[in-house]
Amino acid sequence: MNQRELWRELKALPHEAQREVIDFIAFLRARHGESARTGAVKRPRLSREPFVGMWEGRRDMEDSTEWVRTARQREWEKP
């Protein structure tokens, strides 16, 4: 449905139903924010996130599979 058809459908509704449509549109805008209206979502650059590189240089993390295996053994094999 294009904008012209949508407008025609809206105008064909009774006044109270038109009011409900307008209220619903306001609800959706509040729920989804300005980005839903513009279609633009501003995403931060991942490389600028503070967690990037937090394990850099850790010798115990060189082999992630071994690290996970060791962590599981340490946590799950408690008496």
Protein backbone atom coordinates (compact mmCIF):
# COMPACT_ATOMS: atom_id res chain seq x y z
CA MET A 1 0.00 0.00 0.00
CA ASN A 2 1.45 3.36 -0.97
CA GLN A 3 0.98 6.67 0.84
CA ARG A 4 -1.91 7.82 -1.34
CA GLU A 5 -3.85 4.59 -0.72
CA LEU A 6 -3.08 4.76 2.98
CA TRP A 7 -4.33 8.35 3.16
CA ARG A 8 -7.52 7.37 1.29
CA GLU A 9 -8.12 4.51 3.71
CA LEU A 10 -7.58 6.77 6.71
CA LYS A 11 -10.01 9.40 5.37
CA ALA A 12 -12.64 6.70 4.78
CA LEU A 13 -12.67 5.77 8.48
CA PRO A 14 -15.05 7.37 10.97
CA HIS A 15 -13.58 10.25 12.98
CA GLU A 16 -13.14 8.15 16.14
CA ALA A 17 -11.30 5.42 14.22
CA GLN A 18 -9.04 8.07 12.64
CA ARG A 19 -8.21 9.27 16.15
CA GLU A 20 -7.30 5.69 17.14
CA VAL A 21 -4.98 5.39 14.14
CA ILE A 22 -3.27 8.67 15.08
CA ASP A 23 -2.91 7.51 18.70
CA PHE A 24 -1.45 4.20 17.54
CA ILE A 25 1.08 5.99 15.34
CA ALA A 26 2.09 8.12 18.34
CA PHE A 27 2.48 4.97 20.42
CA LEU A 28 4.70 3.33 17.79
CA ARG A 29 6.88 6.42 17.47
CA ALA A 30 7.34 6.55 21.24
CA ARG A 31 8.11 2.85 21.38
CA HIS A 32 10.58 2.80 18.51
CA GLY A 33 11.99 6.30 18.81
CA GLU A 34 13.17 8.69 16.18
CA SER A 35 15.27 6.09 14.35
CA ALA A 36 12.10 4.22 13.31
CA ARG A 37 10.82 7.32 11.56
CA THR A 38 14.01 8.16 9.74
CA GLY A 39 15.14 4.60 9.18
CA ALA A 40 18.63 5.57 10.28
CA VAL A 41 20.21 3.75 13.17
CA LYS A 42 23.39 5.26 14.47
CA ARG A 43 25.70 2.50 15.57
CA PRO A 44 28.97 3.20 17.35
CA ARG A 45 32.13 1.88 15.79
CA LEU A 46 32.96 -1.44 17.36
CA SER A 47 36.67 -0.62 17.39
CA ARG A 48 35.96 2.29 19.75
CA GLU A 49 34.18 0.18 22.35
CA PRO A 50 36.09 -0.03 25.64
CA PHE A 51 36.08 -3.84 25.76
CA VAL A 52 38.01 -4.23 22.49
CA GLY A 53 41.50 -5.45 23.30
CA MET A 54 40.88 -6.04 27.00
CA TRP A 55 42.53 -9.47 26.86
CA GLU A 56 45.40 -8.40 24.66
CA GLY A 57 48.72 -9.65 25.96
CA ARG A 58 47.27 -12.19 28.40
CA ARG A 59 49.41 -15.30 28.19
CA ASP A 60 46.69 -17.48 29.71
CA MET A 61 44.36 -16.54 26.82
CA GLU A 62 46.66 -17.50 23.95
CA ASP A 63 44.76 -20.78 23.50
CA SER A 64 41.12 -19.97 24.17
CA THR A 65 40.02 -23.61 24.02
CA GLU A 66 42.50 -24.58 26.69
CA TRP A 67 41.51 -21.56 28.80
CA VAL A 68 37.83 -22.56 28.69
CA ARG A 69 38.64 -26.17 29.49
CA THR A 70 40.74 -25.11 32.50
CA ALA A 71 38.09 -22.67 33.73
CA ARG A 72 35.38 -25.33 33.50
CA GLN A 73 37.48 -27.85 35.37
CA ARG A 74 38.29 -25.30 38.05
CA GLU A 75 34.63 -24.30 38.53
CA TRP A 76 32.82 -27.59 37.97
CA GLU A 77 35.11 -29.98 39.79
CA LYS A 78 34.74 -28.43 43.21
CA PRO A 79 34.10 -30.89 46.07
